[in-house]
């Protein structure tokens, strides 16, 4: 089984000095999305699933068009929910993240000052949603400590268009790593990057190997953003 995680292209987080909630892609982000489609168009995917947020949907759109596929949105792929900063000065969000990074590790589970989704809730939401999704495809963790999975369809290929945080949670779940309240920083992935996991057969099941992390070779060097 192969799972391909694609991070969205560069979003327009700030417009005229103000925060944008659920932003669209920038012009460069649109170009990055077209390059993702170019490099993946020749690959077969049994499923392509997409986060409900605009930046991920716009990144997936060129590939879906190239392969004449309908959009399949999975709500559990939504990125961590920030406070309602739309239309507020960009300095407000920047200051909140800077303060959050100064805390002791365990204290970061409580999340940003001013609201939003606590990281603990975010990790649980993505992991539980992914578990339901994997289970429905005949994939589930074996009852042991090691990250061993049962797979009904060992040749199944899934492309996931989502976010740094969401994809980080999925990586940790598939590789058997304990969650942390900074999943988007643990695996640093560029905009429109491609990360590949592939199942490896064991005597009593399968485990996942990280074959490639944050591949951006399909992007021009001056169009690689984080």
C-alpha atoms as a PDB file:
ATOM      1  CA  UNK A   1       0.000   0.000   0.000  1.00  0.00           C
ATOM      2  CA  UNK A   2       1.237   3.487  -0.765  1.00  0.00           C
ATOM      3  CA  UNK A   3       0.013   6.698   0.847  1.00  0.00           C
ATOM      4  CA  UNK A   4       1.092   9.959  -0.779  1.00  0.00           C
ATOM      5  CA  UNK A   5       0.733  13.088   1.334  1.00  0.00           C
ATOM      6  CA  UNK A   6       0.678  16.394  -0.539  1.00  0.00           C
ATOM      7  CA  UNK A   7       0.816  19.693   1.311  1.00  0.00           C
ATOM      8  CA  UNK A   8      -1.159  22.589  -0.165  1.00  0.00           C
ATOM      9  CA  UNK A   9       0.544  25.331  -2.167  1.00  0.00           C
ATOM     10  CA  UNK A  10       1.479  28.742  -0.821  1.00  0.00           C
ATOM     11  CA  UNK A  11      -1.620  30.448   0.666  1.00  0.00           C
ATOM     12  CA  UNK A  12      -2.432  34.147   0.953  1.00  0.00           C
ATOM     13  CA  UNK A  13      -2.383  34.285   4.758  1.00  0.00           C
ATOM     14  CA  UNK A  14      -2.235  38.074   4.838  1.00  0.00           C
ATOM     15  CA  UNK A  15      -3.929  40.593   2.542  1.00  0.00           C
ATOM     16  CA  UNK A  16      -3.346  44.323   2.963  1.00  0.00           C
ATOM     17  CA  UNK A  17      -1.831  43.684   6.384  1.00  0.00           C
ATOM     18  CA  UNK A  18      -4.861  41.733   7.641  1.00  0.00           C
ATOM     19  CA  UNK A  19      -5.256  38.047   8.468  1.00  0.00           C
ATOM     20  CA  UNK A  20      -7.196  35.880   6.022  1.00  0.00           C
ATOM     21  CA  UNK A  21      -9.048  32.852   7.393  1.00  0.00           C
ATOM     22  CA  UNK A  22      -9.304  29.888   4.990  1.00  0.00           C
ATOM     23  CA  UNK A  23      -7.141  31.707   2.439  1.00  0.00           C
ATOM     24  CA  UNK A  24      -6.879  30.947  -1.277  1.00  0.00           C
ATOM     25  CA  UNK A  25      -3.578  30.156  -2.944  1.00  0.00           C
ATOM     26  CA  UNK A  26      -1.294  32.935  -4.075  1.00  0.00           C
ATOM     27  CA  UNK A  27      -0.367  33.191  -7.732  1.00  0.00           C
ATOM     28  CA  UNK A  28       2.801  31.257  -6.904  1.00  0.00           C
ATOM     29  CA  UNK A  29       0.723  28.715  -5.005  1.00  0.00           C
ATOM     30  CA  UNK A  30      -1.425  28.157  -8.093  1.00  0.00           C
ATOM     31  CA  UNK A  31       1.733  27.506 -10.114  1.00  0.00           C
ATOM     32  CA  UNK A  32       2.933  25.058  -7.451  1.00  0.00           C
ATOM     33  CA  UNK A  33      -0.393  23.211  -7.697  1.00  0.00           C
ATOM     34  CA  UNK A  34      -0.024  22.887 -11.467  1.00  0.00           C
ATOM     35  CA  UNK A  35       3.464  21.439 -10.982  1.00  0.00           C
ATOM     36  CA  UNK A  36       2.090  18.864  -8.528  1.00  0.00           C
ATOM     37  CA  UNK A  37      -0.465  17.840 -11.146  1.00  0.00           C
ATOM     38  CA  UNK A  38       2.262  17.594 -13.772  1.00  0.00           C
ATOM     39  CA  UNK A  39       4.397  15.217 -11.719  1.00  0.00           C
ATOM     40  CA  UNK A  40       1.516  13.056 -10.396  1.00  0.00           C
ATOM     41  CA  UNK A  41      -0.739  12.969 -13.475  1.00  0.00           C
ATOM     42  CA  UNK A  42       0.777   9.743 -14.767  1.00  0.00           C
ATOM     43  CA  UNK A  43       0.367   7.862 -11.474  1.00  0.00           C
ATOM     44  CA  UNK A  44      -2.611   5.667 -10.662  1.00  0.00           C
ATOM     45  CA  UNK A  45      -4.446   6.389  -7.423  1.00  0.00           C
ATOM     46  CA  UNK A  46      -7.332   4.298  -6.173  1.00  0.00           C
ATOM     47  CA  UNK A  47      -8.452   7.316  -4.174  1.00  0.00           C
ATOM     48  CA  UNK A  48      -7.616  11.006  -3.938  1.00  0.00           C
ATOM     49  CA  UNK A  49      -8.951  12.653  -0.779  1.00  0.00           C
ATOM     50  CA  UNK A  50      -8.861  16.347   0.043  1.00  0.00           C
ATOM     51  CA  UNK A  51      -9.131  18.608   3.088  1.00  0.00           C
ATOM     52  CA  UNK A  52     -12.228  20.836   3.103  1.00  0.00           C
ATOM     53  CA  UNK A  53     -10.106  24.006   3.322  1.00  0.00           C
ATOM     54  CA  UNK A  54      -9.775  26.138   0.205  1.00  0.00           C
ATOM     55  CA  UNK A  55      -5.978  26.042  -0.102  1.00  0.00           C
ATOM     56  CA  UNK A  56      -5.949  22.228  -0.192  1.00  0.00           C
ATOM     57  CA  UNK A  57      -8.886  22.030  -2.607  1.00  0.00           C
ATOM     58  CA  UNK A  58      -7.232  24.496  -4.980  1.00  0.00           C
ATOM     59  CA  UNK A  59      -3.997  22.495  -4.826  1.00  0.00           C
ATOM     60  CA  UNK A  60      -5.795  19.251  -5.669  1.00  0.00           C
ATOM     61  CA  UNK A  61      -7.909  20.763  -8.454  1.00  0.00           C
ATOM     62  CA  UNK A  62      -5.350  20.595 -11.296  1.00  0.00           C
ATOM     63  CA  UNK A  63      -4.596  16.906 -10.668  1.00  0.00           C
ATOM     64  CA  UNK A  64      -8.285  16.051 -10.372  1.00  0.00           C
ATOM     65  CA  UNK A  65      -8.894  17.836 -13.679  1.00  0.00           C
ATOM     66  CA  UNK A  66      -5.978  16.037 -15.374  1.00  0.00           C
ATOM     67  CA  UNK A  67      -7.332  12.663 -14.255  1.00  0.00           C
ATOM     68  CA  UNK A  68     -11.009  13.587 -14.817  1.00  0.00           C
ATOM     69  CA  UNK A  69     -11.897  12.786 -11.202  1.00  0.00           C
ATOM     70  CA  UNK A  70     -14.470  14.256  -8.840  1.00  0.00           C
ATOM     71  CA  UNK A  71     -13.394  15.974  -5.637  1.00  0.00           C
ATOM     72  CA  UNK A  72     -13.629  13.749  -2.531  1.00  0.00           C
ATOM     73  CA  UNK A  73     -13.511  15.907   0.597  1.00  0.00           C
ATOM     74  CA  UNK A  74     -12.737  14.263   3.955  1.00  0.00           C
ATOM     75  CA  UNK A  75     -13.542  16.589   6.907  1.00  0.00           C
ATOM     76  CA  UNK A  76     -10.997  14.935   9.248  1.00  0.00           C
ATOM     77  CA  UNK A  77      -8.191  16.340   7.058  1.00  0.00           C
ATOM     78  CA  UNK A  78      -8.943  19.924   8.109  1.00  0.00           C
ATOM     79  CA  UNK A  79      -5.935  21.716   9.627  1.00  0.00           C
ATOM     80  CA  UNK A  80      -5.928  22.802  13.289  1.00  0.00           C
ATOM     81  CA  UNK A  81      -8.593  25.466  13.764  1.00  0.00           C
ATOM     82  CA  UNK A  82      -7.183  28.873  14.627  1.00  0.00           C
ATOM     83  CA  UNK A  83      -9.006  31.658  16.484  1.00  0.00           C
ATOM     84  CA  UNK A  84     -11.302  33.765  14.316  1.00  0.00           C
ATOM     85  CA  UNK A  85      -8.634  36.197  13.173  1.00  0.00           C
ATOM     86  CA  UNK A  86     -10.180  37.091   9.826  1.00  0.00           C
ATOM     87  CA  UNK A  87      -9.750  40.790   9.096  1.00  0.00           C
ATOM     88  CA  UNK A  88      -7.580  41.437  12.172  1.00  0.00           C
ATOM     89  CA  UNK A  89      -4.017  42.836  11.970  1.00  0.00           C
ATOM     90  CA  UNK A  90      -1.433  40.208  10.971  1.00  0.00           C
ATOM     91  CA  UNK A  91       0.582  41.124  14.063  1.00  0.00           C
ATOM     92  CA  UNK A  92      -2.128  39.554  16.246  1.00  0.00           C
ATOM     93  CA  UNK A  93      -1.619  36.027  14.898  1.00  0.00           C
ATOM     94  CA  UNK A  94       2.161  36.412  14.731  1.00  0.00           C
ATOM     95  CA  UNK A  95       2.322  37.462  18.387  1.00  0.00           C
ATOM     96  CA  UNK A  96       0.058  34.589  19.486  1.00  0.00           C
ATOM     97  CA  UNK A  97       2.277  31.974  17.811  1.00  0.00           C
ATOM     98  CA  UNK A  98       5.445  33.537  19.216  1.00  0.00           C
ATOM     99  CA  UNK A  99       3.992  33.382  22.745  1.00  0.00           C
ATOM    100  CA  UNK A 100       2.887  29.768  22.286  1.00  0.00           C
ATOM    101  CA  UNK A 101       6.400  28.724  21.268  1.00  0.00           C
ATOM    102  CA  UNK A 102       7.882  30.117  24.510  1.00  0.00           C
ATOM    103  CA  UNK A 103       5.928  27.698  26.719  1.00  0.00           C
ATOM    104  CA  UNK A 104       7.175  24.485  28.266  1.00  0.00           C
ATOM    105  CA  UNK A 105       6.445  21.421  26.140  1.00  0.00           C
ATOM    106  CA  UNK A 106       3.426  20.085  28.075  1.00  0.00           C
ATOM    107  CA  UNK A 107       1.878  23.551  28.304  1.00  0.00           C
ATOM    108  CA  UNK A 108       1.684  23.745  24.523  1.00  0.00           C
ATOM    109  CA  UNK A 109      -1.159  21.205  24.527  1.00  0.00           C
ATOM    110  CA  UNK A 110      -3.518  24.015  25.643  1.00  0.00           C
ATOM    111  CA  UNK A 111      -3.135  25.889  22.358  1.00  0.00           C
ATOM    112  CA  UNK A 112      -3.127  29.528  21.383  1.00  0.00           C
ATOM    113  CA  UNK A 113      -4.181  32.378  23.610  1.00  0.00           C
ATOM    114  CA  UNK A 114      -7.471  33.719  22.300  1.00  0.00           C
ATOM    115  CA  UNK A 115      -9.162  30.474  21.347  1.00  0.00           C
ATOM    116  CA  UNK A 116      -8.947  28.058  18.482  1.00  0.00           C
ATOM    117  CA  UNK A 117      -8.614  24.291  18.635  1.00  0.00           C
ATOM    118  CA  UNK A 118      -6.224  22.938  21.301  1.00  0.00           C
ATOM    119  CA  UNK A 119      -3.517  20.712  19.779  1.00  0.00           C
ATOM    120  CA  UNK A 120      -4.671  17.751  21.901  1.00  0.00           C
ATOM    121  CA  UNK A 121      -8.163  17.995  20.387  1.00  0.00           C
ATOM    122  CA  UNK A 122      -6.709  18.461  16.911  1.00  0.00           C
ATOM    123  CA  UNK A 123      -4.533  15.348  17.152  1.00  0.00           C
ATOM    124  CA  UNK A 124      -7.439  13.299  18.476  1.00  0.00           C
ATOM    125  CA  UNK A 125      -9.769  14.580  15.733  1.00  0.00           C
ATOM    126  CA  UNK A 126      -7.383  13.711  12.921  1.00  0.00           C
ATOM    127  CA  UNK A 127      -6.316  10.357  14.376  1.00  0.00           C
ATOM    128  CA  UNK A 128      -9.855   9.205  15.102  1.00  0.00           C
ATOM    129  CA  UNK A 129     -11.120  10.366  11.704  1.00  0.00           C
ATOM    130  CA  UNK A 130      -8.220   8.673   9.954  1.00  0.00           C
ATOM    131  CA  UNK A 131      -8.815   5.466  11.922  1.00  0.00           C
ATOM    132  CA  UNK A 132     -12.413   5.333  10.702  1.00  0.00           C
ATOM    133  CA  UNK A 133     -11.240   6.011   7.158  1.00  0.00           C
ATOM    134  CA  UNK A 134      -8.473   3.371   7.215  1.00  0.00           C
ATOM    135  CA  UNK A 135     -10.741   0.803   8.866  1.00  0.00           C
ATOM    136  CA  UNK A 136     -13.371   1.269   6.159  1.00  0.00           C
ATOM    137  CA  UNK A 137     -10.674   0.339   3.623  1.00  0.00           C
ATOM    138  CA  UNK A 138      -9.696  -2.841   5.479  1.00  0.00           C
ATOM    139  CA  UNK A 139      -6.660  -1.333   7.196  1.00  0.00           C
ATOM    140  CA  UNK A 140      -6.273  -1.428  10.965  1.00  0.00           C
ATOM    141  CA  UNK A 141      -3.609  -1.624  13.660  1.00  0.00           C
ATOM    142  CA  UNK A 142      -2.829  -5.058  15.021  1.00  0.00           C
ATOM    143  CA  UNK A 143      -3.247  -5.583  18.754  1.00  0.00           C
ATOM    144  CA  UNK A 144       0.370  -5.150  19.750  1.00  0.00           C
ATOM    145  CA  UNK A 145       2.704  -2.342  20.811  1.00  0.00           C
ATOM    146  CA  UNK A 146       4.701  -2.238  17.579  1.00  0.00           C
ATOM    147  CA  UNK A 147       3.199  -0.322  14.606  1.00  0.00           C
ATOM    148  CA  UNK A 148       1.974  -3.366  12.707  1.00  0.00           C
ATOM    149  CA  UNK A 149      -1.046  -3.038  10.432  1.00  0.00           C
ATOM    150  CA  UNK A 150      -3.458  -5.471   8.821  1.00  0.00           C
ATOM    151  CA  UNK A 151      -4.090  -4.596   5.165  1.00  0.00           C
ATOM    152  CA  UNK A 152      -6.836  -6.082   3.034  1.00  0.00           C
ATOM    153  CA  UNK A 153      -5.630  -4.269  -0.098  1.00  0.00           C
ATOM    154  CA  UNK A 154      -1.831  -4.238  -0.140  1.00  0.00           C
ATOM    155  CA  UNK A 155      -1.677  -2.589  -3.569  1.00  0.00           C
ATOM    156  CA  UNK A 156      -4.090   0.252  -2.738  1.00  0.00           C
ATOM    157  CA  UNK A 157      -2.744   3.764  -3.462  1.00  0.00           C
ATOM    158  CA  UNK A 158      -4.162   6.882  -1.801  1.00  0.00           C
ATOM    159  CA  UNK A 159      -3.236  10.527  -2.421  1.00  0.00           C
ATOM    160  CA  UNK A 160      -4.022  12.963   0.391  1.00  0.00           C
ATOM    161  CA  UNK A 161      -4.126  16.736  -0.176  1.00  0.00           C
ATOM    162  CA  UNK A 162      -3.946  18.396   3.215  1.00  0.00           C
ATOM    163  CA  UNK A 163      -1.736  20.480   5.514  1.00  0.00           C
ATOM    164  CA  UNK A 164       1.537  20.515   7.436  1.00  0.00           C
ATOM    165  CA  UNK A 165      -0.197  19.713  10.721  1.00  0.00           C
ATOM    166  CA  UNK A 166      -2.689  17.184   9.393  1.00  0.00           C
ATOM    167  CA  UNK A 167      -0.074  15.350   7.362  1.00  0.00           C
ATOM    168  CA  UNK A 168       2.234  15.382  10.382  1.00  0.00           C
ATOM    169  CA  UNK A 169      -0.427  13.679  12.496  1.00  0.00           C
ATOM    170  CA  UNK A 170      -0.993  11.064   9.776  1.00  0.00           C
ATOM    171  CA  UNK A 171       2.736  10.407   9.474  1.00  0.00           C
ATOM    172  CA  UNK A 172       3.021   9.813  13.213  1.00  0.00           C
ATOM    173  CA  UNK A 173      -0.027   7.556  13.266  1.00  0.00           C
ATOM    174  CA  UNK A 174       1.211   5.432  10.372  1.00  0.00           C
ATOM    175  CA  UNK A 175       4.774   5.219  11.695  1.00  0.00           C
ATOM    176  CA  UNK A 176       3.698   4.515  15.286  1.00  0.00           C
ATOM    177  CA  UNK A 177       5.047   7.726  16.859  1.00  0.00           C
ATOM    178  CA  UNK A 178       3.577   9.371  19.949  1.00  0.00           C
ATOM    179  CA  UNK A 179       1.806  12.676  19.236  1.00  0.00           C
ATOM    180  CA  UNK A 180       3.247  16.053  20.239  1.00  0.00           C
ATOM    181  CA  UNK A 181       1.604  19.501  20.349  1.00  0.00           C
ATOM    182  CA  UNK A 182       3.783  20.756  17.467  1.00  0.00           C
ATOM    183  CA  UNK A 183       3.044  18.212  14.742  1.00  0.00           C
ATOM    184  CA  UNK A 184       3.422  20.840  11.959  1.00  0.00           C
ATOM    185  CA  UNK A 185       7.022  21.467  13.106  1.00  0.00           C
ATOM    186  CA  UNK A 186       8.132  17.872  13.720  1.00  0.00           C
ATOM    187  CA  UNK A 187       8.111  17.031  10.015  1.00  0.00           C
ATOM    188  CA  UNK A 188       9.013  20.175   8.085  1.00  0.00           C
ATOM    189  CA  UNK A 189       7.246  20.034   4.725  1.00  0.00           C
ATOM    190  CA  UNK A 190       7.319  22.663   1.995  1.00  0.00           C
ATOM    191  CA  UNK A 191       4.295  24.018   0.178  1.00  0.00           C
ATOM    192  CA  UNK A 192       3.181  21.659  -2.606  1.00  0.00           C
ATOM    193  CA  UNK A 193       5.649  19.023  -1.379  1.00  0.00           C
ATOM    194  CA  UNK A 194       5.092  15.296  -1.813  1.00  0.00           C
ATOM    195  CA  UNK A 195       5.698  12.791   0.999  1.00  0.00           C
ATOM    196  CA  UNK A 196       5.494   9.069   0.325  1.00  0.00           C
ATOM    197  CA  UNK A 197       4.863   6.143   2.685  1.00  0.00           C
ATOM    198  CA  UNK A 198       4.881   2.560   1.521  1.00  0.00           C
ATOM    199  CA  UNK A 199       3.826  -0.581   3.353  1.00  0.00           C
ATOM    200  CA  UNK A 200       6.383  -3.275   4.013  1.00  0.00           C
ATOM    201  CA  UNK A 201       5.380  -6.897   4.618  1.00  0.00           C
ATOM    202  CA  UNK A 202       6.224  -8.563   7.925  1.00  0.00           C
ATOM    203  CA  UNK A 203       5.465 -12.145   8.903  1.00  0.00           C
ATOM    204  CA  UNK A 204       2.452 -11.037  10.959  1.00  0.00           C
ATOM    205  CA  UNK A 205       1.258  -7.972   9.076  1.00  0.00           C
ATOM    206  CA  UNK A 206       2.616  -4.802   7.513  1.00  0.00           C
ATOM    207  CA  UNK A 207       4.434  -1.714   8.695  1.00  0.00           C
ATOM    208  CA  UNK A 208       4.944   1.620   6.946  1.00  0.00           C
ATOM    209  CA  UNK A 209       8.256   2.994   5.715  1.00  0.00           C
ATOM    210  CA  UNK A 210       8.826   6.683   5.035  1.00  0.00           C
ATOM    211  CA  UNK A 211      10.218   6.581   1.501  1.00  0.00           C
ATOM    212  CA  UNK A 212      10.384  10.296   0.833  1.00  0.00           C
ATOM    213  CA  UNK A 213       9.710  13.400   2.918  1.00  0.00           C
ATOM    214  CA  UNK A 214       8.829  16.836   1.522  1.00  0.00           C
ATOM    215  CA  UNK A 215       9.938  16.181  -2.055  1.00  0.00           C
ATOM    216  CA  UNK A 216       9.949  19.457  -4.015  1.00  0.00           C
ATOM    217  CA  UNK A 217      12.094  18.442  -6.984  1.00  0.00           C
ATOM    218  CA  UNK A 218       9.116  19.155  -9.242  1.00  0.00           C
ATOM    219  CA  UNK A 219       9.248  22.845  -8.266  1.00  0.00           C
ATOM    220  CA  UNK A 220      11.697  25.461  -9.598  1.00  0.00           C
ATOM    221  CA  UNK A 221      14.193  26.449  -6.916  1.00  0.00           C
ATOM    222  CA  UNK A 222      12.856  30.004  -6.747  1.00  0.00           C
ATOM    223  CA  UNK A 223       9.316  28.664  -6.174  1.00  0.00           C
ATOM    224  CA  UNK A 224      10.059  26.538  -3.095  1.00  0.00           C
ATOM    225  CA  UNK A 225       8.318  27.998  -0.034  1.00  0.00           C
ATOM    226  CA  UNK A 226       7.605  26.766   3.483  1.00  0.00           C
END
